[in-house]
C-alpha atoms as a PDB file:
ATOM      1  CA  MET A   1      17.702  -4.285   4.744  1.00  0.00           C
ATOM      2  CA  ALA A   2      15.037  -1.688   4.108  1.00  0.00           C
ATOM      3  CA  ARG A   3      16.313   1.823   2.955  1.00  0.00           C
ATOM      4  CA  PHE A   4      13.601   3.516   4.776  1.00  0.00           C
ATOM      5  CA  THR A   5      12.591   3.500   8.425  1.00  0.00           C
ATOM      6  CA  ARG A   6       9.029   2.479   9.403  1.00  0.00           C
ATOM      7  CA  ILE A   7       8.517   6.128  10.601  1.00  0.00           C
ATOM      8  CA  GLU A   8       9.487   7.451   7.189  1.00  0.00           C
ATOM      9  CA  VAL A   9       7.254   4.998   5.508  1.00  0.00           C
ATOM     10  CA  ALA A  10       4.212   5.886   7.797  1.00  0.00           C
ATOM     11  CA  GLN A  11       4.895   9.643   7.241  1.00  0.00           C
ATOM     12  CA  LYS A  12       5.000   9.139   3.423  1.00  0.00           C
ATOM     13  CA  MET A  13       1.693   7.208   3.532  1.00  0.00           C
ATOM     14  CA  GLN A  14       0.114  10.011   5.513  1.00  0.00           C
ATOM     15  CA  GLU A  15       1.663  12.718   3.176  1.00  0.00           C
ATOM     16  CA  LEU A  16       0.606  11.289  -0.063  1.00  0.00           C
ATOM     17  CA  GLY A  17      -2.498   9.405   0.819  1.00  0.00           C
ATOM     18  CA  MET A  18      -2.215   6.616  -1.742  1.00  0.00           C
ATOM     19  CA  ILE A  19      -0.338   3.532  -2.358  1.00  0.00           C
ATOM     20  CA  PRO A  20      -0.586   1.845  -5.831  1.00  0.00           C
ATOM     21  CA  LEU A  21      -0.486  -2.033  -5.768  1.00  0.00           C
ATOM     22  CA  PHE A  22       0.044  -4.503  -8.468  1.00  0.00           C
ATOM     23  CA  TYR A  23       1.662  -7.784  -9.436  1.00  0.00           C
ATOM     24  CA  HIS A  24       3.141  -9.024 -12.670  1.00  0.00           C
ATOM     25  CA  HIS A  25       5.496 -11.944 -13.312  1.00  0.00           C
ATOM     26  CA  ASP A  26       7.593 -10.060 -15.917  1.00  0.00           C
ATOM     27  CA  VAL A  27      10.363  -7.965 -14.562  1.00  0.00           C
ATOM     28  CA  GLU A  28      10.470  -5.474 -17.433  1.00  0.00           C
ATOM     29  CA  ILE A  29       6.781  -4.823 -17.162  1.00  0.00           C
ATOM     30  CA  GLY A  30       7.095  -4.338 -13.435  1.00  0.00           C
ATOM     31  CA  ILE A  31       9.893  -1.894 -13.859  1.00  0.00           C
ATOM     32  CA  LYS A  32       7.857   0.147 -16.454  1.00  0.00           C
ATOM     33  CA  THR A  33       4.858   0.163 -14.185  1.00  0.00           C
ATOM     34  CA  VAL A  34       6.795   1.292 -11.119  1.00  0.00           C
ATOM     35  CA  GLU A  35       8.526   3.982 -13.123  1.00  0.00           C
ATOM     36  CA  ALA A  36       5.153   5.223 -14.421  1.00  0.00           C
ATOM     37  CA  CYS A  37       3.760   5.547 -11.032  1.00  0.00           C
ATOM     38  CA  TYR A  38       6.979   7.210  -9.792  1.00  0.00           C
ATOM     39  CA  LYS A  39       6.746   9.807 -12.695  1.00  0.00           C
ATOM     40  CA  GLY A  40       3.127  10.387 -11.718  1.00  0.00           C
ATOM     41  CA  GLY A  41       4.293  11.409  -8.220  1.00  0.00           C
ATOM     42  CA  ALA A  42       3.818   8.097  -6.293  1.00  0.00           C
ATOM     43  CA  ARG A  43       6.467   7.432  -3.692  1.00  0.00           C
ATOM     44  CA  LEU A  44       5.119   4.190  -2.358  1.00  0.00           C
ATOM     45  CA  LEU A  45       4.189   1.030  -4.144  1.00  0.00           C
ATOM     46  CA  GLU A  46       3.010  -2.348  -2.898  1.00  0.00           C
ATOM     47  CA  PHE A  47       4.090  -5.345  -5.000  1.00  0.00           C
ATOM     48  CA  THR A  48       1.616  -8.172  -4.221  1.00  0.00           C
ATOM     49  CA  ASN A  49       3.132 -11.629  -3.494  1.00  0.00           C
ATOM     50  CA  ARG A  50       0.724 -13.541  -5.810  1.00  0.00           C
ATOM     51  CA  GLY A  51       2.682 -15.655  -8.193  1.00  0.00           C
ATOM     52  CA  ASP A  52       5.442 -18.181  -8.456  1.00  0.00           C
ATOM     53  CA  TYR A  53       8.883 -16.645  -8.064  1.00  0.00           C
ATOM     54  CA  ALA A  54       7.277 -13.345  -7.099  1.00  0.00           C
ATOM     55  CA  HIS A  55      10.215 -12.770  -4.727  1.00  0.00           C
ATOM     56  CA  GLU A  56      12.632 -12.800  -7.659  1.00  0.00           C
ATOM     57  CA  VAL A  57      10.653 -10.132  -9.426  1.00  0.00           C
ATOM     58  CA  PHE A  58      10.582  -8.076  -6.376  1.00  0.00           C
ATOM     59  CA  ARG A  59      14.316  -8.356  -5.914  1.00  0.00           C
ATOM     60  CA  GLU A  60      14.899  -6.957  -9.333  1.00  0.00           C
ATOM     61  CA  LEU A  61      12.355  -4.171  -8.953  1.00  0.00           C
ATOM     62  CA  ASN A  62      13.844  -3.117  -5.573  1.00  0.00           C
ATOM     63  CA  LYS A  63      17.395  -3.058  -7.114  1.00  0.00           C
ATOM     64  CA  TYR A  64      16.121  -0.923  -9.915  1.00  0.00           C
ATOM     65  CA  CYS A  65      14.362   1.478  -7.489  1.00  0.00           C
ATOM     66  CA  GLU A  66      17.570   1.805  -5.425  1.00  0.00           C
ATOM     67  CA  ALA A  67      19.639   2.749  -8.539  1.00  0.00           C
ATOM     68  CA  GLN A  68      17.110   4.679 -10.652  1.00  0.00           C
ATOM     69  CA  LEU A  69      14.114   5.763  -8.457  1.00  0.00           C
ATOM     70  CA  PRO A  70      15.784   6.562  -5.141  1.00  0.00           C
ATOM     71  CA  GLU A  71      12.652   8.105  -3.429  1.00  0.00           C
ATOM     72  CA  MET A  72      10.444   5.049  -4.296  1.00  0.00           C
ATOM     73  CA  ILE A  73       9.383   3.131  -1.156  1.00  0.00           C
ATOM     74  CA  LEU A  74       8.730  -0.478  -2.215  1.00  0.00           C
ATOM     75  CA  GLY A  75       6.887  -2.899  -0.064  1.00  0.00           C
ATOM     76  CA  VAL A  76       5.138  -6.233  -0.367  1.00  0.00           C
ATOM     77  CA  GLY A  77       1.538  -7.219  -0.001  1.00  0.00           C
ATOM     78  CA  SER A  78      -0.367 -10.450   0.212  1.00  0.00           C
ATOM     79  CA  VAL A  79       2.154 -11.838   2.739  1.00  0.00           C
ATOM     80  CA  THR A  80       0.571 -14.634   4.715  1.00  0.00           C
ATOM     81  CA  ASP A  81       3.351 -15.904   7.163  1.00  0.00           C
ATOM     82  CA  ALA A  82       6.415 -14.891   8.980  1.00  0.00           C
ATOM     83  CA  GLY A  83       8.728 -16.839   6.709  1.00  0.00           C
ATOM     84  CA  ALA A  84       7.571 -14.985   3.680  1.00  0.00           C
ATOM     85  CA  ALA A  85       7.807 -11.664   5.528  1.00  0.00           C
ATOM     86  CA  SER A  86      11.352 -12.366   6.600  1.00  0.00           C
ATOM     87  CA  HIS A  87      12.369 -13.313   3.134  1.00  0.00           C
ATOM     88  CA  TYR A  88      11.034 -10.192   1.613  1.00  0.00           C
ATOM     89  CA  MET A  89      12.594  -8.044   4.315  1.00  0.00           C
ATOM     90  CA  GLN A  90      15.965  -9.611   3.448  1.00  0.00           C
ATOM     91  CA  LEU A  91      15.341  -8.442  -0.073  1.00  0.00           C
ATOM     92  CA  GLY A  92      14.910  -4.897   1.175  1.00  0.00           C
ATOM     93  CA  ALA A  93      11.082  -4.634   1.525  1.00  0.00           C
ATOM     94  CA  ALA A  94      10.296  -1.279   3.273  1.00  0.00           C
ATOM     95  CA  PHE A  95       6.849  -2.400   4.445  1.00  0.00           C
ATOM     96  CA  ILE A  96       4.776  -5.543   4.703  1.00  0.00           C
ATOM     97  CA  VAL A  97       1.065  -5.746   4.041  1.00  0.00           C
ATOM     98  CA  THR A  98      -1.054  -8.731   4.952  1.00  0.00           C
ATOM     99  CA  PRO A  99      -4.603  -9.857   4.083  1.00  0.00           C
ATOM    100  CA  VAL A 100      -5.250 -10.897   7.735  1.00  0.00           C
ATOM    101  CA  LEU A 101      -3.981 -10.222  11.223  1.00  0.00           C
ATOM    102  CA  ARG A 102      -0.971 -12.507  11.859  1.00  0.00           C
ATOM    103  CA  GLU A 103       0.891 -12.033  15.161  1.00  0.00           C
ATOM    104  CA  ASP A 104       3.854 -13.991  13.927  1.00  0.00           C
ATOM    105  CA  ILE A 105       4.327 -11.400  11.179  1.00  0.00           C
ATOM    106  CA  ALA A 106       3.872  -8.563  13.632  1.00  0.00           C
ATOM    107  CA  ILE A 107       6.736  -9.913  15.875  1.00  0.00           C
ATOM    108  CA  ILE A 108       9.213 -10.437  13.000  1.00  0.00           C
ATOM    109  CA  CYS A 109       8.443  -6.972  11.405  1.00  0.00           C
ATOM    110  CA  ASN A 110       8.724  -5.267  14.887  1.00  0.00           C
ATOM    111  CA  ARG A 111      12.014  -6.943  15.464  1.00  0.00           C
ATOM    112  CA  ARG A 112      13.480  -5.345  12.414  1.00  0.00           C
ATOM    113  CA  LYS A 113      11.524  -2.150  12.718  1.00  0.00           C
ATOM    114  CA  VAL A 114       9.761  -2.538   9.455  1.00  0.00           C
ATOM    115  CA  LEU A 115       6.248  -1.167   9.081  1.00  0.00           C
ATOM    116  CA  TRP A 116       3.532  -3.785   8.699  1.00  0.00           C
ATOM    117  CA  SER A 117      -0.105  -3.241   7.879  1.00  0.00           C
ATOM    118  CA  PRO A 118      -2.474  -6.168   8.588  1.00  0.00           C
ATOM    119  CA  GLY A 119      -5.886  -6.696   6.991  1.00  0.00           C
ATOM    120  CA  CYS A 120      -8.428  -6.179   9.782  1.00  0.00           C
ATOM    121  CA  ALA A 121     -12.269  -6.207   9.590  1.00  0.00           C
ATOM    122  CA  THR A 122     -13.489  -5.743  13.016  1.00  0.00           C
ATOM    123  CA  LEU A 123     -12.898  -3.340  15.902  1.00  0.00           C
ATOM    124  CA  THR A 124     -11.405  -6.120  17.983  1.00  0.00           C
ATOM    125  CA  GLU A 125      -8.848  -6.979  15.276  1.00  0.00           C
ATOM    126  CA  ILE A 126      -7.936  -3.266  14.662  1.00  0.00           C
ATOM    127  CA  CYS A 127      -7.360  -2.883  18.431  1.00  0.00           C
ATOM    128  CA  ARG A 128      -5.207  -5.998  18.606  1.00  0.00           C
ATOM    129  CA  ALA A 129      -3.117  -4.797  15.694  1.00  0.00           C
ATOM    130  CA  GLU A 130      -2.482  -1.498  17.416  1.00  0.00           C
ATOM    131  CA  GLU A 131      -1.605  -3.331  20.676  1.00  0.00           C
ATOM    132  CA  LEU A 132       1.046  -5.203  18.547  1.00  0.00           C
ATOM    133  CA  GLY A 133       2.399  -1.910  17.219  1.00  0.00           C
ATOM    134  CA  CYS A 134       0.668  -1.378  14.047  1.00  0.00           C
ATOM    135  CA  GLU A 135       0.868   2.255  12.844  1.00  0.00           C
ATOM    136  CA  ILE A 136      -1.581   2.056   9.949  1.00  0.00           C
ATOM    137  CA  VAL A 137      -4.274  -0.684   9.768  1.00  0.00           C
ATOM    138  CA  LYS A 138      -5.442  -2.076   6.429  1.00  0.00           C
ATOM    139  CA  LEU A 139      -9.201  -2.314   6.146  1.00  0.00           C
ATOM    140  CA  PHE A 140      -9.839  -5.265   3.902  1.00  0.00           C
ATOM    141  CA  PRO A 141     -11.830  -5.855   1.878  1.00  0.00           C
ATOM    142  CA  GLY A 142     -12.605  -2.135   1.963  1.00  0.00           C
ATOM    143  CA  GLY A 143     -15.325  -2.193  -0.581  1.00  0.00           C
ATOM    144  CA  ILE A 144     -17.436  -4.560   1.666  1.00  0.00           C
ATOM    145  CA  TYR A 145     -17.107  -2.275   4.674  1.00  0.00           C
ATOM    146  CA  GLY A 146     -17.157   1.013   3.095  1.00  0.00           C
ATOM    147  CA  PRO A 147     -16.491   4.689   4.346  1.00  0.00           C
ATOM    148  CA  GLY A 148     -19.332   4.351   6.898  1.00  0.00           C
ATOM    149  CA  PHE A 149     -17.430   1.666   8.700  1.00  0.00           C
ATOM    150  CA  VAL A 150     -14.315   3.888   8.970  1.00  0.00           C
ATOM    151  CA  LYS A 151     -16.291   6.810  10.182  1.00  0.00           C
ATOM    152  CA  ALA A 152     -17.855   4.677  12.951  1.00  0.00           C
ATOM    153  CA  ILE A 153     -14.438   3.306  13.976  1.00  0.00           C
ATOM    154  CA  LYS A 154     -12.939   6.790  14.149  1.00  0.00           C
ATOM    155  CA  ALA A 155     -15.623   8.071  16.533  1.00  0.00           C
ATOM    156  CA  PRO A 156     -14.479   6.034  19.603  1.00  0.00           C
ATOM    157  CA  GLN A 157     -10.827   5.746  18.280  1.00  0.00           C
ATOM    158  CA  PRO A 158      -9.775   8.991  16.570  1.00  0.00           C
ATOM    159  CA  TRP A 159      -6.168   7.881  16.931  1.00  0.00           C
ATOM    160  CA  THR A 160      -6.644   4.892  14.607  1.00  0.00           C
ATOM    161  CA  SER A 161      -5.003   5.218  11.115  1.00  0.00           C
ATOM    162  CA  ILE A 162      -6.856   3.188   8.468  1.00  0.00           C
ATOM    163  CA  MET A 163      -5.950   2.304   4.895  1.00  0.00           C
ATOM    164  CA  PRO A 164      -8.722   0.743   2.919  1.00  0.00           C
ATOM    165  CA  THR A 165      -7.735  -1.586   0.108  1.00  0.00           C
ATOM    166  CA  GLY A 166     -10.308  -2.917  -2.361  1.00  0.00           C
ATOM    167  CA  GLY A 167     -13.315  -0.859  -3.381  1.00  0.00           C
ATOM    168  CA  VAL A 168     -11.101   2.239  -3.940  1.00  0.00           C
ATOM    169  CA  ALA A 169     -11.332   4.034  -7.323  1.00  0.00           C
ATOM    170  CA  PRO A 170      -9.401   7.150  -8.684  1.00  0.00           C
ATOM    171  CA  THR A 171     -12.666   9.241  -8.883  1.00  0.00           C
ATOM    172  CA  GLU A 172     -13.373  12.314  -6.939  1.00  0.00           C
ATOM    173  CA  LYS A 173     -16.639  10.885  -5.656  1.00  0.00           C
ATOM    174  CA  ASN A 174     -15.085   7.597  -4.305  1.00  0.00           C
ATOM    175  CA  LEU A 175     -11.993   9.336  -2.885  1.00  0.00           C
ATOM    176  CA  ARG A 176     -14.030  12.019  -1.244  1.00  0.00           C
ATOM    177  CA  GLU A 177     -16.117   9.452   0.521  1.00  0.00           C
ATOM    178  CA  TRP A 178     -13.079   7.639   1.892  1.00  0.00           C
ATOM    179  CA  PHE A 179     -11.113  10.630   2.943  1.00  0.00           C
ATOM    180  CA  GLU A 180     -14.089  12.479   4.497  1.00  0.00           C
ATOM    181  CA  SER A 181     -14.709   9.353   6.560  1.00  0.00           C
ATOM    182  CA  GLY A 182     -11.222   9.765   8.048  1.00  0.00           C
ATOM    183  CA  VAL A 183      -8.941   7.388   6.225  1.00  0.00           C
ATOM    184  CA  THR A 184      -5.105   8.053   6.408  1.00  0.00           C
ATOM    185  CA  CYS A 185      -4.437   6.662   2.888  1.00  0.00           C
ATOM    186  CA  VAL A 186      -5.856   4.388   0.374  1.00  0.00           C
ATOM    187  CA  GLY A 187      -4.543   1.191  -1.339  1.00  0.00           C
ATOM    188  CA  MET A 188      -5.469   1.177  -5.039  1.00  0.00           C
ATOM    189  CA  GLY A 189      -4.943  -1.754  -7.407  1.00  0.00           C
ATOM    190  CA  SER A 190      -6.732  -2.638 -10.562  1.00  0.00           C
ATOM    191  CA  LYS A 191      -8.819   0.562 -10.571  1.00  0.00           C
ATOM    192  CA  LEU A 192      -5.525   2.470 -11.126  1.00  0.00           C
ATOM    193  CA  ILE A 193      -3.276  -0.094 -12.692  1.00  0.00           C
ATOM    194  CA  SER A 194      -5.680  -1.965 -14.884  1.00  0.00           C
ATOM    195  CA  GLN A 195      -4.923  -5.054 -16.984  1.00  0.00           C
ATOM    196  CA  ASP A 196      -5.873  -3.030 -19.999  1.00  0.00           C
ATOM    197  CA  ILE A 197      -3.183  -0.448 -19.280  1.00  0.00           C
ATOM    198  CA  ILE A 198      -0.540  -3.271 -18.938  1.00  0.00           C
ATOM    199  CA  LYS A 199      -1.790  -5.080 -22.020  1.00  0.00           C
ATOM    200  CA  ARG A 200      -1.548  -1.878 -24.126  1.00  0.00           C
ATOM    201  CA  ALA A 201       1.657  -0.839 -22.460  1.00  0.00           C
ATOM    202  CA  ALA A 202       0.022   2.516 -21.796  1.00  0.00           C
ATOM    203  CA  TYR A 203       2.539   3.693 -19.241  1.00  0.00           C
ATOM    204  CA  HIS A 204       2.101   7.375 -20.101  1.00  0.00           C
ATOM    205  CA  GLU A 205      -1.572   6.948 -19.298  1.00  0.00           C
ATOM    206  CA  LEU A 206      -0.751   5.253 -16.029  1.00  0.00           C
ATOM    207  CA  GLU A 207       1.445   8.195 -15.185  1.00  0.00           C
ATOM    208  CA  ASN A 208      -1.240  10.569 -15.805  1.00  0.00           C
ATOM    209  CA  ARG A 209      -3.831   8.537 -13.889  1.00  0.00           C
ATOM    210  CA  THR A 210      -1.468   8.400 -10.856  1.00  0.00           C
ATOM    211  CA  LYS A 211      -0.930  12.157 -11.024  1.00  0.00           C
ATOM    212  CA  GLU A 212      -4.617  12.898 -11.247  1.00  0.00           C
ATOM    213  CA  ALA A 213      -5.480  10.564  -8.302  1.00  0.00           C
ATOM    214  CA  LEU A 214      -2.816  12.228  -6.113  1.00  0.00           C
ATOM    215  CA  ALA A 215      -4.068  15.669  -7.080  1.00  0.00           C
ATOM    216  CA  LEU A 216      -7.567  14.587  -6.160  1.00  0.00           C
ATOM    217  CA  ILE A 217      -6.542  13.494  -2.821  1.00  0.00           C
ATOM    218  CA  LYS A 218      -4.677  16.698  -2.179  1.00  0.00           C
ATOM    219  CA  LYS A 219      -7.648  18.734  -3.326  1.00  0.00           C
ATOM    220  CA  ILE A 220     -10.078  16.773  -0.979  1.00  0.00           C
ATOM    221  CA  ARG A 221      -7.881  17.155   1.991  1.00  0.00           C
ATOM    222  CA  ASN A 222      -7.311  20.833   1.498  1.00  0.00           C
ATOM    223  CA  LYS A 223     -10.990  21.669   1.208  1.00  0.00           C
END
């Protein structure tokens, strides 16, 4: 069972404006990565369901967070069916992120009051996701649609909360374009947690990059 309610998760997404996301098959590397992001100020992290036995890695990461990083809200991404969503929620996932809009996932997450964020690419999909109870819609792939798409959506639907994933980088120019278009938060993967950082075990560098990205978002929002 999740340690955080979906309202708490949505509020933290809004507050911080960024969710790091990554996958690695090695539990120890996963722990060091999550810890570095946490030290950098991140309080949300999306573990992507992209490898064999990914659920076993997530289980250990979530146990570690509960014991050592109590404010870290750990969720799961790349979930493609209700069965996988249910399994991860049994392991304590605080939110579920999907690459597409799946109503079966919406139903099972709503039943357990767990926040879910479906990948949407059209206004029709976004509207349907909101009708199904979605708080924050994932725009995917974000780099294909860009900030202009978000701005266009927000004009007729200012109540819509959008989180682009893909095409987001920890630079002031990129983040400014996204947040000035009206996004609620951004999902950031390899541009933040690069394979090079993992290979070099440069966790202090990851901590600093996370801290800098969050500071940039705060600066942009406060302008």
